[in-house]
Every structure is written in C-alpha cells, then in structure tokens.
C-alpha cells in the first residue's frame, strides 16, 4: 500500500525499501486528516 499520510508512527528503527528512503516498510500507525477539500482523494 502506498500512502502519503499526515502522521506515521514507527516503533522500531525505520526500515526503508531502498536507498531513496521514500518507501517505509514498517509503519505501525498511519493518520490521515481528511478535510472537505481533500476527502475525495
């Protein structure tokens, strides 16, 4: 799953897919704040 959340909680050391560090492999909690403007996305 790919997402661009507002807040991510990681309990251990962050683990990434590759050296670009743009894909987090071990998120524990993902928060998304939905506003009327962005809730359709």
PDB file of N, CA and C in Angstrom:
ATOM      1  N   UNK A   1       0.842  -1.167   0.000  1.00  0.00           N
ATOM      2  CA  UNK A   1       0.000   0.000   0.000  1.00  0.00           C
ATOM      3  C   UNK A   1       0.893   1.237   0.000  1.00  0.00           C
ATOM      4  N   UNK A   2       0.608   2.156  -0.864  1.00  0.00           N
ATOM      5  CA  UNK A   2       1.317   3.425  -0.885  1.00  0.00           C
ATOM      6  C   UNK A   2       0.377   4.511  -0.386  1.00  0.00           C
ATOM      7  N   UNK A   3       0.863   5.347   0.506  1.00  0.00           N
ATOM      8  CA  UNK A   3       0.053   6.462   1.014  1.00  0.00           C
ATOM      9  C   UNK A   3       0.972   7.620   1.356  1.00  0.00           C
ATOM     10  N   UNK A   4       0.367   8.764   1.481  1.00  0.00           N
ATOM     11  CA  UNK A   4       1.085   9.979   1.857  1.00  0.00           C
ATOM     12  C   UNK A   4       0.375  10.571   3.064  1.00  0.00           C
ATOM     13  N   UNK A   5       0.510   9.927   4.219  1.00  0.00           N
ATOM     14  CA  UNK A   5      -0.254  10.333   5.403  1.00  0.00           C
ATOM     15  C   UNK A   5       0.292  11.602   6.039  1.00  0.00           C
ATOM     16  N   UNK A   6      -0.524  12.156   6.919  1.00  0.00           N
ATOM     17  CA  UNK A   6      -0.111  13.335   7.677  1.00  0.00           C
ATOM     18  C   UNK A   6       0.843  12.968   8.806  1.00  0.00           C
ATOM     19  N   UNK A   7       0.618  11.803   9.435  1.00  0.00           N
ATOM     20  CA  UNK A   7       1.457  11.353  10.555  1.00  0.00           C
ATOM     21  C   UNK A   7       1.662   9.847  10.436  1.00  0.00           C
ATOM     22  N   UNK A   8       2.878   9.393  10.710  1.00  0.00           N
ATOM     23  CA  UNK A   8       3.200   7.966  10.751  1.00  0.00           C
ATOM     24  C   UNK A   8       3.937   7.691  12.048  1.00  0.00           C
ATOM     25  N   UNK A   9       3.563   6.601  12.720  1.00  0.00           N
ATOM     26  CA  UNK A   9       4.257   6.181  13.938  1.00  0.00           C
ATOM     27  C   UNK A   9       5.008   4.888  13.643  1.00  0.00           C
ATOM     28  N   UNK A  10       6.290   4.873  13.998  1.00  0.00           N
ATOM     29  CA  UNK A  10       7.137   3.696  13.835  1.00  0.00           C
ATOM     30  C   UNK A  10       7.700   3.365  15.210  1.00  0.00           C
ATOM     31  N   UNK A  11       7.575   2.113  15.637  1.00  0.00           N
ATOM     32  CA  UNK A  11       8.020   1.734  16.983  1.00  0.00           C
ATOM     33  C   UNK A  11       9.503   1.365  17.035  1.00  0.00           C
ATOM     34  N   UNK A  12      10.010   0.773  16.006  1.00  0.00           N
ATOM     35  CA  UNK A  12      11.421   0.387  15.966  1.00  0.00           C
ATOM     36  C   UNK A  12      12.173   1.327  15.029  1.00  0.00           C
ATOM     37  N   UNK A  13      13.367   0.958  14.693  1.00  0.00           N
ATOM     38  CA  UNK A  13      14.130   1.740  13.720  1.00  0.00           C
ATOM     39  C   UNK A  13      13.422   1.697  12.365  1.00  0.00           C
ATOM     40  N   UNK A  14      13.363   2.824  11.687  1.00  0.00           N
ATOM     41  CA  UNK A  14      12.690   2.874  10.394  1.00  0.00           C
ATOM     42  C   UNK A  14      13.417   1.997   9.386  1.00  0.00           C
ATOM     43  N   UNK A  15      12.634   1.223   8.628  1.00  0.00           N
ATOM     44  CA  UNK A  15      13.181   0.357   7.588  1.00  0.00           C
ATOM     45  C   UNK A  15      12.636   0.838   6.247  1.00  0.00           C
ATOM     46  N   UNK A  16      13.539   1.047   5.301  1.00  0.00           N
ATOM     47  CA  UNK A  16      13.144   1.567   4.001  1.00  0.00           C
ATOM     48  C   UNK A  16      13.364   0.526   2.914  1.00  0.00           C
ATOM     49  N   UNK A  17      12.627   0.681   1.832  1.00  0.00           N
ATOM     50  CA  UNK A  17      12.690  -0.244   0.701  1.00  0.00           C
ATOM     51  C   UNK A  17      14.036  -0.191  -0.015  1.00  0.00           C
ATOM     52  N   UNK A  18      14.584   1.015  -0.159  1.00  0.00           N
ATOM     53  CA  UNK A  18      15.853   1.167  -0.869  1.00  0.00           C
ATOM     54  C   UNK A  18      16.572   2.424  -0.384  1.00  0.00           C
ATOM     55  N   UNK A  19      17.643   2.766  -1.058  1.00  0.00           N
ATOM     56  CA  UNK A  19      18.458   3.901  -0.618  1.00  0.00           C
ATOM     57  C   UNK A  19      17.783   5.254  -0.805  1.00  0.00           C
ATOM     58  N   UNK A  20      16.687   5.313  -1.548  1.00  0.00           N
ATOM     59  CA  UNK A  20      15.983   6.587  -1.745  1.00  0.00           C
ATOM     60  C   UNK A  20      15.166   6.994  -0.521  1.00  0.00           C
ATOM     61  N   UNK A  21      14.892   6.054   0.366  1.00  0.00           N
ATOM     62  CA  UNK A  21      14.213   6.299   1.643  1.00  0.00           C
ATOM     63  C   UNK A  21      12.844   6.957   1.467  1.00  0.00           C
ATOM     64  N   UNK A  22      12.128   6.585   0.402  1.00  0.00           N
ATOM     65  CA  UNK A  22      10.799   7.144   0.190  1.00  0.00           C
ATOM     66  C   UNK A  22       9.684   6.121   0.372  1.00  0.00           C
ATOM     67  N   UNK A  23      10.053   4.858   0.685  1.00  0.00           N
ATOM     68  CA  UNK A  23       9.068   3.812   0.961  1.00  0.00           C
ATOM     69  C   UNK A  23       9.400   3.208   2.315  1.00  0.00           C
ATOM     70  N   UNK A  24       8.548   3.468   3.292  1.00  0.00           N
ATOM     71  CA  UNK A  24       8.736   2.958   4.648  1.00  0.00           C
ATOM     72  C   UNK A  24       8.100   1.577   4.756  1.00  0.00           C
ATOM     73  N   UNK A  25       8.858   0.601   5.231  1.00  0.00           N
ATOM     74  CA  UNK A  25       8.381  -0.779   5.280  1.00  0.00           C
ATOM     75  C   UNK A  25       7.688  -1.157   6.583  1.00  0.00           C
ATOM     76  N   UNK A  26       7.898  -0.408   7.657  1.00  0.00           N
ATOM     77  CA  UNK A  26       7.386  -0.854   8.952  1.00  0.00           C
ATOM     78  C   UNK A  26       6.583   0.210   9.715  1.00  0.00           C
ATOM     79  N   UNK A  27       5.620   0.858   9.074  1.00  0.00           N
ATOM     80  CA  UNK A  27       4.786   1.782   9.850  1.00  0.00           C
ATOM     81  C   UNK A  27       3.863   0.993  10.781  1.00  0.00           C
ATOM     82  N   UNK A  28       3.632   1.501  11.978  1.00  0.00           N
ATOM     83  CA  UNK A  28       2.717   0.850  12.922  1.00  0.00           C
ATOM     84  C   UNK A  28       1.338   1.498  12.886  1.00  0.00           C
ATOM     85  N   UNK A  29       1.302   2.822  12.793  1.00  0.00           N
ATOM     86  CA  UNK A  29       0.042   3.567  12.755  1.00  0.00           C
ATOM     87  C   UNK A  29       0.177   4.645  11.691  1.00  0.00           C
ATOM     88  N   UNK A  30      -0.883   4.820  10.907  1.00  0.00           N
ATOM     89  CA  UNK A  30      -0.908   5.853   9.869  1.00  0.00           C
ATOM     90  C   UNK A  30      -2.131   6.730  10.109  1.00  0.00           C
ATOM     91  N   UNK A  31      -1.917   8.050  10.197  1.00  0.00           N
ATOM     92  CA  UNK A  31      -3.008   9.002  10.393  1.00  0.00           C
ATOM     93  C   UNK A  31      -3.157   9.875   9.158  1.00  0.00           C
ATOM     94  N   UNK A  32      -4.387  10.060   8.748  1.00  0.00           N
ATOM     95  CA  UNK A  32      -4.694  10.976   7.658  1.00  0.00           C
ATOM     96  C   UNK A  32      -5.798  11.906   8.134  1.00  0.00           C
ATOM     97  N   UNK A  33      -5.568  13.189   8.029  1.00  0.00           N
ATOM     98  CA  UNK A  33      -6.570  14.179   8.405  1.00  0.00           C
ATOM     99  C   UNK A  33      -7.328  14.548   7.140  1.00  0.00           C
ATOM    100  N   UNK A  34      -8.615  14.214   7.109  1.00  0.00           N
ATOM    101  CA  UNK A  34      -9.437  14.499   5.932  1.00  0.00           C
ATOM    102  C   UNK A  34     -10.134  15.841   6.099  1.00  0.00           C
ATOM    103  N   UNK A  35      -9.903  16.699   5.145  1.00  0.00           N
ATOM    104  CA  UNK A  35     -10.596  17.979   5.123  1.00  0.00           C
ATOM    105  C   UNK A  35     -11.625  17.933   3.995  1.00  0.00           C
ATOM    106  N   UNK A  36     -12.586  18.829   3.986  1.00  0.00           N
ATOM    107  CA  UNK A  36     -13.566  18.836   2.892  1.00  0.00           C
ATOM    108  C   UNK A  36     -12.900  18.936   1.512  1.00  0.00           C
ATOM    109  N   UNK A  37     -11.780  19.615   1.434  1.00  0.00           N
ATOM    110  CA  UNK A  37     -11.092  19.773   0.152  1.00  0.00           C
ATOM    111  C   UNK A  37     -10.422  18.478  -0.305  1.00  0.00           C
ATOM    112  N   UNK A  38      -9.851  17.711   0.614  1.00  0.00           N
ATOM    113  CA  UNK A  38      -9.053  16.535   0.239  1.00  0.00           C
ATOM    114  C   UNK A  38      -9.742  15.198   0.476  1.00  0.00           C
ATOM    115  N   UNK A  39     -10.928  15.157   1.028  1.00  0.00           N
ATOM    116  CA  UNK A  39     -11.532  13.870   1.383  1.00  0.00           C
ATOM    117  C   UNK A  39     -11.906  13.023   0.168  1.00  0.00           C
ATOM    118  N   UNK A  40     -12.004  13.590  -1.012  1.00  0.00           N
ATOM    119  CA  UNK A  40     -12.329  12.820  -2.211  1.00  0.00           C
ATOM    120  C   UNK A  40     -11.117  12.129  -2.824  1.00  0.00           C
ATOM    121  N   UNK A  41      -9.916  12.407  -2.349  1.00  0.00           N
ATOM    122  CA  UNK A  41      -8.707  11.819  -2.937  1.00  0.00           C
ATOM    123  C   UNK A  41      -8.377  10.502  -2.313  1.00  0.00           C
TER     124      UNK A  41
END
